[in-house]
PDB file of N, CA and C in Angstrom:
ATOM      1  N   MET A   1     132.751  69.379  -7.149  1.00  0.00           N
ATOM      2  CA  MET A   1     133.115  69.197  -5.518  1.00  0.00           C
ATOM      3  C   MET A   1     132.007  70.395  -4.799  1.00  0.00           C
ATOM      4  N   MET A   2     130.597  70.495  -4.022  1.00  0.00           N
ATOM      5  CA  MET A   2     130.332  71.117  -3.147  1.00  0.00           C
ATOM      6  C   MET A   2     131.465  71.852  -2.698  1.00  0.00           C
ATOM      7  N   SER A   3     131.654  73.399  -2.196  1.00  0.00           N
ATOM      8  CA  SER A   3     131.975  73.544  -0.595  1.00  0.00           C
ATOM      9  C   SER A   3     131.228  72.944   0.803  1.00  0.00           C
ATOM     10  N   VAL A   4     131.623  73.664   1.330  1.00  0.00           N
ATOM     11  CA  VAL A   4     131.226  73.355   2.508  1.00  0.00           C
ATOM     12  C   VAL A   4     130.425  74.011   3.260  1.00  0.00           C
ATOM     13  N   ALA A   5     130.807  75.419   2.653  1.00  0.00           N
ATOM     14  CA  ALA A   5     129.395  76.689   2.747  1.00  0.00           C
ATOM     15  C   ALA A   5     128.720  76.239   2.099  1.00  0.00           C
ATOM     16  N   LYS A   6     128.415  76.029   0.963  1.00  0.00           N
ATOM     17  CA  LYS A   6     127.225  75.905   0.351  1.00  0.00           C
ATOM     18  C   LYS A   6     125.893  74.777   0.484  1.00  0.00           C
ATOM     19  N   ILE A   7     127.133  73.896   1.215  1.00  0.00           N
ATOM     20  CA  ILE A   7     126.401  72.462   1.255  1.00  0.00           C
ATOM     21  C   ILE A   7     125.057  72.832   2.816  1.00  0.00           C
ATOM     22  N   ARG A   8     126.432  74.162   3.832  1.00  0.00           N
ATOM     23  CA  ARG A   8     125.442  74.933   4.497  1.00  0.00           C
ATOM     24  C   ARG A   8     124.617  75.490   4.806  1.00  0.00           C
ATOM     25  N   LYS A   9     124.156  76.183   3.686  1.00  0.00           N
ATOM     26  CA  LYS A   9     123.977  77.214   3.267  1.00  0.00           C
ATOM     27  C   LYS A   9     121.989  76.678   2.374  1.00  0.00           C
ATOM     28  N   GLN A  10     122.429  75.354   1.288  1.00  0.00           N
ATOM     29  CA  GLN A  10     121.962  74.929   1.107  1.00  0.00           C
ATOM     30  C   GLN A  10     120.884  74.695   2.587  1.00  0.00           C
ATOM     31  N   ALA A  11     121.212  73.407   3.386  1.00  0.00           N
ATOM     32  CA  ALA A  11     120.450  72.941   4.773  1.00  0.00           C
ATOM     33  C   ALA A  11     119.397  73.775   5.473  1.00  0.00           C
ATOM     34  N   ARG A  12     120.551  75.454   5.196  1.00  0.00           N
ATOM     35  CA  ARG A  12     119.353  76.337   5.563  1.00  0.00           C
ATOM     36  C   ARG A  12     118.266  76.175   5.015  1.00  0.00           C
ATOM     37  N   ILE A  13     118.469  76.092   4.160  1.00  0.00           N
ATOM     38  CA  ILE A  13     117.021  76.227   2.820  1.00  0.00           C
ATOM     39  C   ILE A  13     116.330  75.590   3.747  1.00  0.00           C
ATOM     40  N   MET A  14     116.768  74.518   2.771  1.00  0.00           N
ATOM     41  CA  MET A  14     116.044  73.167   3.631  1.00  0.00           C
ATOM     42  C   MET A  14     115.057  73.105   4.794  1.00  0.00           C
ATOM     43  N   MET A  15     115.756  73.358   5.686  1.00  0.00           N
ATOM     44  CA  MET A  15     115.018  73.328   6.767  1.00  0.00           C
ATOM     45  C   MET A  15     113.916  74.126   7.104  1.00  0.00           C
ATOM     46  N   TRP A  16     114.146  75.399   6.731  1.00  0.00           N
ATOM     47  CA  TRP A  16     113.285  75.286   6.821  1.00  0.00           C
ATOM     48  C   TRP A  16     111.903  75.781   5.474  1.00  0.00           C
ATOM     49  N   LEU A  17     112.284  75.065   4.559  1.00  0.00           N
ATOM     50  CA  LEU A  17     111.036  74.285   3.647  1.00  0.00           C
ATOM     51  C   LEU A  17     110.762  73.535   4.489  1.00  0.00           C
ATOM     52  N   VAL A  18     111.253  72.832   5.186  1.00  0.00           N
ATOM     53  CA  VAL A  18     110.243  71.618   5.907  1.00  0.00           C
ATOM     54  C   VAL A  18     109.853  72.449   7.319  1.00  0.00           C
ATOM     55  N   THR A  19     110.120  73.561   7.454  1.00  0.00           N
ATOM     56  CA  THR A  19     109.628  73.412   9.539  1.00  0.00           C
ATOM     57  C   THR A  19     108.520  75.185   8.681  1.00  0.00           C
ATOM     58  N   VAL A  20     108.287  75.835   8.184  1.00  0.00           N
ATOM     59  CA  VAL A  20     107.258  76.514   7.892  1.00  0.00           C
ATOM     60  C   VAL A  20     105.888  75.383   6.961  1.00  0.00           C
ATOM     61  N   PRO A  21     106.405  74.357   6.035  1.00  0.00           N
ATOM     62  CA  PRO A  21     104.513  73.824   6.260  1.00  0.00           C
ATOM     63  C   PRO A  21     104.017  73.262   7.453  1.00  0.00           C
ATOM     64  N   PHE A  22     105.664  72.340   8.243  1.00  0.00           N
ATOM     65  CA  PHE A  22     105.396  71.898   9.485  1.00  0.00           C
ATOM     66  C   PHE A  22     104.533  72.805  10.274  1.00  0.00           C
ATOM     67  N   ALA A  23     104.699  74.220   9.992  1.00  0.00           N
ATOM     68  CA  ALA A  23     104.031  74.647  12.125  1.00  0.00           C
ATOM     69  C   ALA A  23     103.611  75.319  10.939  1.00  0.00           C
ATOM     70  N   GLY A  24     102.097  75.582  10.212  1.00  0.00           N
ATOM     71  CA  GLY A  24     101.442  76.042   9.122  1.00  0.00           C
ATOM     72  C   GLY A  24     100.547  74.907  10.189  1.00  0.00           C
ATOM     73  N   LEU A  25     100.824  73.397   9.707  1.00  0.00           N
ATOM     74  CA  LEU A  25      99.335  71.940  10.442  1.00  0.00           C
ATOM     75  C   LEU A  25     100.066  71.975  11.361  1.00  0.00           C
ATOM     76  N   ALA A  26     100.813  72.205  12.226  1.00  0.00           N
ATOM     77  CA  ALA A  26     100.432  72.588  14.138  1.00  0.00           C
ATOM     78  C   ALA A  26      99.371  73.784  14.578  1.00  0.00           C
ATOM     79  N   VAL A  27      99.367  74.666  13.197  1.00  0.00           N
ATOM     80  CA  VAL A  27      98.841  75.459  14.109  1.00  0.00           C
ATOM     81  C   VAL A  27      97.633  75.349  13.284  1.00  0.00           C
ATOM     82  N   LEU A  28      97.285  74.746  12.311  1.00  0.00           N
ATOM     83  CA  LEU A  28      96.307  74.696  11.868  1.00  0.00           C
ATOM     84  C   LEU A  28      95.429  73.519  13.124  1.00  0.00           C
ATOM     85  N   THR A  29      95.730  72.700  13.347  1.00  0.00           N
ATOM     86  CA  THR A  29      95.636  71.137  13.922  1.00  0.00           C
ATOM     87  C   THR A  29      95.546  71.608  15.825  1.00  0.00           C
ATOM     88  N   ILE A  30      96.025  73.179  15.657  1.00  0.00           N
ATOM     89  CA  ILE A  30      95.270  73.883  16.734  1.00  0.00           C
ATOM     90  C   ILE A  30      93.961  74.056  16.804  1.00  0.00           C
ATOM     91  N   ILE A  31      94.586  75.459  15.737  1.00  0.00           N
ATOM     92  CA  ILE A  31      92.694  75.842  16.028  1.00  0.00           C
ATOM     93  C   ILE A  31      91.210  74.889  15.921  1.00  0.00           C
ATOM     94  N   LEU A  32      92.069  74.035  14.974  1.00  0.00           N
ATOM     95  CA  LEU A  32      91.129  72.692  14.547  1.00  0.00           C
ATOM     96  C   LEU A  32      90.150  72.085  16.472  1.00  0.00           C
ATOM     97  N   LEU A  33      91.383  71.517  16.997  1.00  0.00           N
ATOM     98  CA  LEU A  33      90.969  71.878  18.151  1.00  0.00           C
ATOM     99  C   LEU A  33      90.099  72.674  19.397  1.00  0.00           C
ATOM    100  N   GLY A  34      91.025  73.945  19.169  1.00  0.00           N
ATOM    101  CA  GLY A  34      89.791  74.424  20.016  1.00  0.00           C
ATOM    102  C   GLY A  34      88.772  74.672  19.040  1.00  0.00           C
ATOM    103  N   ASN A  35      89.105  74.706  18.223  1.00  0.00           N
ATOM    104  CA  ASN A  35      87.022  75.439  17.869  1.00  0.00           C
ATOM    105  C   ASN A  35      86.382  74.139  17.790  1.00  0.00           C
ATOM    106  N   ILE A  36      86.522  73.115  18.596  1.00  0.00           N
ATOM    107  CA  ILE A  36      86.132  71.810  18.688  1.00  0.00           C
ATOM    108  C   ILE A  36      86.061  72.324  20.511  1.00  0.00           C
ATOM    109  N   VAL A  37      86.785  72.100  21.029  1.00  0.00           N
ATOM    110  CA  VAL A  37      86.461  73.039  22.618  1.00  0.00           C
ATOM    111  C   VAL A  37      85.397  74.858  22.592  1.00  0.00           C
ATOM    112  N   TRP A  38      86.174  75.593  21.826  1.00  0.00           N
ATOM    113  CA  TRP A  38      85.013  76.287  21.651  1.00  0.00           C
ATOM    114  C   TRP A  38      83.858  75.833  21.300  1.00  0.00           C
ATOM    115  N   GLN A  39      83.023  75.553  21.059  1.00  0.00           N
ATOM    116  CA  GLN A  39      81.591  74.838  19.990  1.00  0.00           C
ATOM    117  C   GLN A  39      81.215  73.439  20.768  1.00  0.00           C
ATOM    118  N   GLY A  40      81.614  73.311  22.286  1.00  0.00           N
ATOM    119  CA  GLY A  40      81.019  72.420  23.345  1.00  0.00           C
ATOM    120  C   GLY A  40      81.406  70.959  22.432  1.00  0.00           C
ATOM    121  N   GLY A  41      81.989  70.656  21.432  1.00  0.00           N
ATOM    122  CA  GLY A  41      82.284  69.621  20.682  1.00  0.00           C
ATOM    123  C   GLY A  41      81.367  69.124  20.432  1.00  0.00           C
ATOM    124  N   ARG A  42      80.250  69.810  19.943  1.00  0.00           N
ATOM    125  CA  ARG A  42      78.792  69.952  19.006  1.00  0.00           C
ATOM    126  C   ARG A  42      79.891  69.022  17.483  1.00  0.00           C
ATOM    127  N   TYR A  43      80.808  69.790  17.523  1.00  0.00           N
ATOM    128  CA  TYR A  43      81.099  68.800  15.829  1.00  0.00           C
ATOM    129  C   TYR A  43      81.827  67.689  16.096  1.00  0.00           C
ATOM    130  N   ALA A  44      82.435  67.720  16.924  1.00  0.00           N
ATOM    131  CA  ALA A  44      83.979  66.760  16.960  1.00  0.00           C
ATOM    132  C   ALA A  44      84.211  65.181  15.942  1.00  0.00           C
ATOM    133  N   ASP A  45      82.644  65.293  16.042  1.00  0.00           N
ATOM    134  CA  ASP A  45      82.534  63.443  15.187  1.00  0.00           C
ATOM    135  C   ASP A  45      82.972  63.679  13.964  1.00  0.00           C
ATOM    136  N   THR A  46      82.270  64.742  13.447  1.00  0.00           N
ATOM    137  CA  THR A  46      82.697  65.429  11.858  1.00  0.00           C
ATOM    138  C   THR A  46      84.153  65.646  11.982  1.00  0.00           C
ATOM    139  N   VAL A  47      84.507  66.745  12.658  1.00  0.00           N
ATOM    140  CA  VAL A  47      85.647  67.222  12.442  1.00  0.00           C
ATOM    141  C   VAL A  47      86.672  65.993  12.492  1.00  0.00           C
ATOM    142  N   ALA A  48      86.840  65.049  13.390  1.00  0.00           N
ATOM    143  CA  ALA A  48      87.566  63.578  13.186  1.00  0.00           C
ATOM    144  C   ALA A  48      87.352  62.856  12.056  1.00  0.00           C
ATOM    145  N   ILE A  49      85.769  62.775  11.139  1.00  0.00           N
ATOM    146  CA  ILE A  49      85.566  62.318  10.520  1.00  0.00           C
ATOM    147  C   ILE A  49      86.435  62.859   9.195  1.00  0.00           C
ATOM    148  N   TYR A  50      86.742  64.074   8.850  1.00  0.00           N
ATOM    149  CA  TYR A  50      86.886  64.900   8.431  1.00  0.00           C
ATOM    150  C   TYR A  50      88.712  64.597   8.144  1.00  0.00           C
ATOM    151  N   HIS A  51      88.984  65.390   9.175  1.00  0.00           N
ATOM    152  CA  HIS A  51      90.509  65.334   9.647  1.00  0.00           C
ATOM    153  C   HIS A  51      91.769  64.124  10.289  1.00  0.00           C
ATOM    154  N   LEU A  52      90.828  63.260  10.656  1.00  0.00           N
ATOM    155  CA  LEU A  52      91.846  62.310  11.244  1.00  0.00           C
ATOM    156  C   LEU A  52      92.326  61.115  10.292  1.00  0.00           C
ATOM    157  N   PRO A  53      92.519  61.126   8.548  1.00  0.00           N
ATOM    158  CA  PRO A  53      93.207  60.633   8.194  1.00  0.00           C
ATOM    159  C   PRO A  53      93.754  62.035   7.978  1.00  0.00           C
ATOM    160  N   MET A  54      94.115  63.138   7.472  1.00  0.00           N
ATOM    161  CA  MET A  54      95.472  63.450   7.758  1.00  0.00           C
ATOM    162  C   MET A  54      96.668  62.841   8.405  1.00  0.00           C
ATOM    163  N   PHE A  55      96.162  62.821   9.675  1.00  0.00           N
ATOM    164  CA  PHE A  55      97.435  62.404  10.774  1.00  0.00           C
ATOM    165  C   PHE A  55      97.861  61.003  10.569  1.00  0.00           C
ATOM    166  N   LEU A  56      96.411  60.057   9.503  1.00  0.00           N
ATOM    167  CA  LEU A  56      97.345  58.815   9.881  1.00  0.00           C
ATOM    168  C   LEU A  56      98.265  59.064   8.408  1.00  0.00           C
ATOM    169  N   TYR A  57      98.267  59.783   7.730  1.00  0.00           N
ATOM    170  CA  TYR A  57      99.007  60.162   6.611  1.00  0.00           C
ATOM    171  C   TYR A  57      99.874  60.670   6.544  1.00  0.00           C
ATOM    172  N   SER A  58     100.164  61.088   6.900  1.00  0.00           N
ATOM    173  CA  SER A  58     101.692  62.901   7.509  1.00  0.00           C
ATOM    174  C   SER A  58     102.136  61.959   9.299  1.00  0.00           C
ATOM    175  N   GLY A  59     101.764  60.712   9.603  1.00  0.00           N
ATOM    176  CA  GLY A  59     102.316  60.122  10.224  1.00  0.00           C
ATOM    177  C   GLY A  59     103.935  59.714   9.871  1.00  0.00           C
ATOM    178  N   PRO A  60     104.486  59.326  11.445  1.00  0.00           N
ATOM    179  CA  PRO A  60     106.083  59.013  11.321  1.00  0.00           C
ATOM    180  C   PRO A  60     106.119  57.968  10.300  1.00  0.00           C
ATOM    181  N   TYR A  61     104.656  57.436  10.274  1.00  0.00           N
ATOM    182  CA  TYR A  61     105.696  56.476   8.453  1.00  0.00           C
ATOM    183  C   TYR A  61     104.332  56.001   7.215  1.00  0.00           C
ATOM    184  N   GLY A  62     104.101  57.304   7.065  1.00  0.00           N
ATOM    185  CA  GLY A  62     103.649  58.240   6.313  1.00  0.00           C
ATOM    186  C   GLY A  62     104.258  59.181   4.797  1.00  0.00           C
TER     187      GLY A  62
END
């Protein structure tokens, strides 16, 4: 049987293993949207076509 301390340690590791990629995706999303705004929406349709499926697949039910 695992001790409570070991379970807590593993839970902290798992928390960071989930948080880091999620934060990375959030930063990339902000950069992508910032680039659309910076370019004046010139490439918004292309960005939507290439990156919108990423949000559909990684949604709460994906």
